[in-house]
Amino acid sequence: MNLELLESARERVGNVPILVNMASKRVKQLNAGMRPYVKPLSQDEDKLDIALREIAEGKLVCEEDKEAVEAEEENQSKWSF
């Protein structure tokens, strides 16, 4: 895994758990035979690096359900001491 790509993707997404889920799902798709949204730098480029480049370049985005996030935060604060 290329740390520069990871940092670039993290800057674009911001939320690390969401970035992990995005990259994981995309790697599964690439392993299943889907075509990449960016041209691989080499034939043996790691699928995770391709997924991170797609995220860093804005070719892959995530929609966030604001209501679900707010409800989860409210639940967490309700049970905090």
N, C-alpha and C. Protein backbone atom coordinates (compact mmCIF):
# COMPACT_ATOMS: atom_id res chain seq x y z
N MET A 1 0.85 -1.17 0.00
CA MET A 1 0.00 0.00 0.00
C MET A 1 0.89 1.24 0.00
N ASN A 2 0.55 2.16 -0.86
CA ASN A 2 1.29 3.40 -1.00
C ASN A 2 0.76 4.42 0.02
N LEU A 3 1.63 4.87 0.92
CA LEU A 3 1.20 5.78 1.97
C LEU A 3 0.81 7.15 1.44
N GLU A 4 1.42 7.59 0.35
CA GLU A 4 1.06 8.87 -0.25
C GLU A 4 -0.37 8.82 -0.79
N LEU A 5 -0.73 7.70 -1.43
CA LEU A 5 -2.10 7.54 -1.92
C LEU A 5 -3.08 7.50 -0.77
N LEU A 6 -2.71 6.81 0.29
CA LEU A 6 -3.58 6.72 1.46
C LEU A 6 -3.84 8.11 2.04
N GLU A 7 -2.80 8.93 2.15
CA GLU A 7 -2.95 10.27 2.69
C GLU A 7 -3.80 11.14 1.77
N SER A 8 -3.61 11.02 0.46
CA SER A 8 -4.41 11.79 -0.49
C SER A 8 -5.88 11.41 -0.42
N ALA A 9 -6.15 10.11 -0.32
CA ALA A 9 -7.52 9.63 -0.22
C ALA A 9 -8.14 10.07 1.11
N ARG A 10 -7.35 10.05 2.17
CA ARG A 10 -7.86 10.46 3.47
C ARG A 10 -8.21 11.95 3.50
N GLU A 11 -7.44 12.76 2.79
CA GLU A 11 -7.75 14.19 2.71
C GLU A 11 -9.07 14.41 1.98
N ARG A 12 -9.34 13.59 0.97
CA ARG A 12 -10.58 13.76 0.21
C ARG A 12 -11.80 13.28 0.99
N VAL A 13 -11.69 12.15 1.69
CA VAL A 13 -12.83 11.57 2.39
C VAL A 13 -12.97 12.16 3.79
N GLY A 14 -11.89 12.24 4.54
CA GLY A 14 -11.94 12.84 5.86
C GLY A 14 -12.26 11.87 6.98
N ASN A 15 -13.22 10.99 6.80
CA ASN A 15 -13.63 10.05 7.82
C ASN A 15 -12.95 8.70 7.54
N VAL A 16 -12.04 8.29 8.43
CA VAL A 16 -11.24 7.08 8.19
C VAL A 16 -12.10 5.81 8.07
N PRO A 17 -13.08 5.57 8.95
CA PRO A 17 -13.90 4.36 8.77
C PRO A 17 -14.63 4.32 7.42
N ILE A 18 -15.09 5.47 6.95
CA ILE A 18 -15.74 5.51 5.64
C ILE A 18 -14.74 5.21 4.54
N LEU A 19 -13.53 5.75 4.66
CA LEU A 19 -12.47 5.48 3.68
C LEU A 19 -12.14 4.00 3.63
N VAL A 20 -12.05 3.37 4.78
CA VAL A 20 -11.76 1.93 4.85
C VAL A 20 -12.86 1.15 4.14
N ASN A 21 -14.12 1.49 4.40
CA ASN A 21 -15.23 0.79 3.75
C ASN A 21 -15.24 1.01 2.25
N MET A 22 -14.98 2.25 1.83
CA MET A 22 -14.96 2.54 0.39
C MET A 22 -13.87 1.74 -0.31
N ALA A 23 -12.67 1.77 0.25
CA ALA A 23 -11.54 1.07 -0.36
C ALA A 23 -11.78 -0.44 -0.38
N SER A 24 -12.30 -0.96 0.72
CA SER A 24 -12.55 -2.40 0.81
C SER A 24 -13.56 -2.87 -0.23
N LYS A 25 -14.67 -2.14 -0.34
CA LYS A 25 -15.70 -2.52 -1.32
C LYS A 25 -15.17 -2.40 -2.74
N ARG A 26 -14.37 -1.37 -2.99
CA ARG A 26 -13.85 -1.18 -4.35
C ARG A 26 -12.84 -2.27 -4.71
N VAL A 27 -12.00 -2.67 -3.75
CA VAL A 27 -11.04 -3.75 -4.00
C VAL A 27 -11.79 -5.04 -4.32
N LYS A 28 -12.88 -5.31 -3.59
CA LYS A 28 -13.68 -6.51 -3.89
C LYS A 28 -14.25 -6.45 -5.30
N GLN A 29 -14.71 -5.26 -5.71
CA GLN A 29 -15.24 -5.09 -7.06
C GLN A 29 -14.16 -5.31 -8.11
N LEU A 30 -12.98 -4.76 -7.86
CA LEU A 30 -11.87 -4.92 -8.82
C LEU A 30 -11.45 -6.39 -8.90
N ASN A 31 -11.41 -7.07 -7.76
CA ASN A 31 -11.05 -8.49 -7.76
C ASN A 31 -12.10 -9.34 -8.47
N ALA A 32 -13.34 -8.87 -8.47
CA ALA A 32 -14.43 -9.59 -9.14
C ALA A 32 -14.44 -9.34 -10.65
N GLY A 33 -13.55 -8.45 -11.12
CA GLY A 33 -13.45 -8.24 -12.56
C GLY A 33 -13.92 -6.89 -13.08
N MET A 34 -14.41 -6.02 -12.20
CA MET A 34 -14.82 -4.69 -12.67
C MET A 34 -13.60 -3.91 -13.15
N ARG A 35 -13.84 -3.06 -14.12
CA ARG A 35 -12.74 -2.27 -14.67
C ARG A 35 -12.46 -1.07 -13.78
N PRO A 36 -11.18 -0.72 -13.65
CA PRO A 36 -10.84 0.45 -12.83
C PRO A 36 -11.24 1.75 -13.51
N TYR A 37 -11.49 2.78 -12.70
CA TYR A 37 -11.84 4.10 -13.21
C TYR A 37 -10.60 4.91 -13.58
N VAL A 38 -9.44 4.44 -13.16
CA VAL A 38 -8.17 5.07 -13.52
C VAL A 38 -7.30 4.03 -14.21
N LYS A 39 -6.39 4.48 -15.05
CA LYS A 39 -5.51 3.56 -15.74
C LYS A 39 -4.44 3.05 -14.77
N PRO A 40 -4.32 1.72 -14.63
CA PRO A 40 -3.29 1.18 -13.74
C PRO A 40 -1.90 1.62 -14.21
N LEU A 41 -1.02 1.91 -13.25
CA LEU A 41 0.33 2.35 -13.58
C LEU A 41 1.17 1.21 -14.12
N SER A 42 0.84 -0.02 -13.72
CA SER A 42 1.52 -1.21 -14.24
C SER A 42 0.54 -2.37 -14.18
N GLN A 43 0.90 -3.46 -14.85
CA GLN A 43 0.00 -4.61 -14.87
C GLN A 43 -0.16 -5.24 -13.50
N ASP A 44 0.87 -5.16 -12.69
CA ASP A 44 0.81 -5.80 -11.38
C ASP A 44 0.58 -4.80 -10.24
N GLU A 45 0.00 -3.64 -10.55
CA GLU A 45 -0.30 -2.66 -9.51
C GLU A 45 -1.34 -3.24 -8.55
N ASP A 46 -1.11 -3.03 -7.28
CA ASP A 46 -1.99 -3.55 -6.24
C ASP A 46 -3.39 -2.95 -6.38
N LYS A 47 -4.41 -3.79 -6.19
CA LYS A 47 -5.81 -3.33 -6.32
C LYS A 47 -6.14 -2.25 -5.30
N LEU A 48 -5.54 -2.34 -4.11
CA LEU A 48 -5.78 -1.32 -3.10
C LEU A 48 -5.23 0.03 -3.55
N ASP A 49 -4.06 0.03 -4.18
CA ASP A 49 -3.50 1.28 -4.69
C ASP A 49 -4.39 1.88 -5.78
N ILE A 50 -4.95 1.04 -6.62
CA ILE A 50 -5.87 1.52 -7.66
C ILE A 50 -7.10 2.15 -7.00
N ALA A 51 -7.66 1.46 -6.01
CA ALA A 51 -8.85 1.98 -5.32
C ALA A 51 -8.54 3.31 -4.63
N LEU A 52 -7.39 3.40 -3.98
CA LEU A 52 -7.02 4.65 -3.31
C LEU A 52 -6.80 5.78 -4.30
N ARG A 53 -6.22 5.47 -5.46
CA ARG A 53 -6.06 6.51 -6.50
C ARG A 53 -7.41 6.97 -7.01
N GLU A 54 -8.34 6.04 -7.19
CA GLU A 54 -9.69 6.40 -7.63
C GLU A 54 -10.34 7.36 -6.62
N ILE A 55 -10.18 7.07 -5.35
CA ILE A 55 -10.76 7.93 -4.31
C ILE A 55 -10.04 9.27 -4.28
N ALA A 56 -8.72 9.26 -4.32
CA ALA A 56 -7.93 10.49 -4.25
C ALA A 56 -8.20 11.41 -5.44
N GLU A 57 -8.45 10.82 -6.60
CA GLU A 57 -8.72 11.62 -7.80
C GLU A 57 -10.18 12.01 -7.94
N GLY A 58 -11.01 11.58 -7.01
CA GLY A 58 -12.43 11.96 -7.03
C GLY A 58 -13.27 11.14 -7.99
N LYS A 59 -12.74 10.02 -8.47
CA LYS A 59 -13.49 9.15 -9.37
C LYS A 59 -14.48 8.28 -8.61
N LEU A 60 -14.27 8.16 -7.31
CA LEU A 60 -15.10 7.34 -6.46
C LEU A 60 -15.52 8.20 -5.26
N VAL A 61 -16.81 8.35 -5.06
CA VAL A 61 -17.31 9.18 -3.97
C VAL A 61 -18.29 8.38 -3.11
N CYS A 62 -18.58 8.90 -1.94
CA CYS A 62 -19.48 8.24 -1.01
C CYS A 62 -20.57 9.22 -0.60
N GLU A 63 -21.79 8.77 -0.58
CA GLU A 63 -22.89 9.59 -0.08
C GLU A 63 -23.11 9.24 1.38
N GLU A 64 -23.27 10.26 2.20
CA GLU A 64 -23.46 10.04 3.63
C GLU A 64 -24.89 10.39 4.01
N ASP A 65 -25.53 9.50 4.75
CA ASP A 65 -26.89 9.72 5.23
C ASP A 65 -26.82 10.57 6.50
N LYS A 66 -27.06 11.86 6.36
CA LYS A 66 -26.93 12.80 7.48
C LYS A 66 -27.87 12.46 8.63
N GLU A 67 -29.10 12.03 8.31
CA GLU A 67 -30.06 11.71 9.36
C GLU A 67 -29.60 10.51 10.19
N ALA A 68 -29.03 9.51 9.53
CA ALA A 68 -28.55 8.33 10.25
C ALA A 68 -27.36 8.70 11.13
N VAL A 69 -26.48 9.55 10.64
CA VAL A 69 -25.33 9.98 11.42
C VAL A 69 -25.78 10.76 12.65
N GLU A 70 -26.73 11.67 12.47
CA GLU A 70 -27.23 12.46 13.59
C GLU A 70 -27.93 11.58 14.62
N ALA A 71 -28.70 10.59 14.15
CA ALA A 71 -29.38 9.68 15.07
C ALA A 71 -28.37 8.86 15.87
N GLU A 72 -27.32 8.41 15.21
CA GLU A 72 -26.28 7.64 15.90
C GLU A 72 -25.56 8.50 16.93
N GLU A 73 -25.25 9.74 16.59
CA GLU A 73 -24.60 10.65 17.54
C GLU A 73 -25.51 10.93 18.73
N GLU A 74 -26.81 11.07 18.47
CA GLU A 74 -27.76 11.30 19.55
C GLU A 74 -27.83 10.09 20.47
N ASN A 75 -27.83 8.89 19.90
CA ASN A 75 -27.84 7.66 20.69
C ASN A 75 -26.60 7.57 21.55
N GLN A 76 -25.45 7.90 20.96
CA GLN A 76 -24.19 7.83 21.70
C GLN A 76 -24.19 8.81 22.88
N SER A 77 -24.68 10.02 22.65
CA SER A 77 -24.69 11.03 23.73
C SER A 77 -25.69 10.67 24.81
N LYS A 78 -26.75 9.97 24.44
CA LYS A 78 -27.77 9.58 25.40
C LYS A 78 -27.21 8.61 26.45
N TRP A 79 -26.28 7.76 26.02
CA TRP A 79 -25.74 6.74 26.91
C TRP A 79 -24.38 7.11 27.48
N SER A 80 -23.89 8.29 27.19
CA SER A 80 -22.60 8.72 27.75
C SER A 80 -22.79 9.25 29.16
N PHE A 81 -21.82 9.02 29.98
CA PHE A 81 -21.88 9.49 31.37
C PHE A 81 -20.96 10.64 31.57
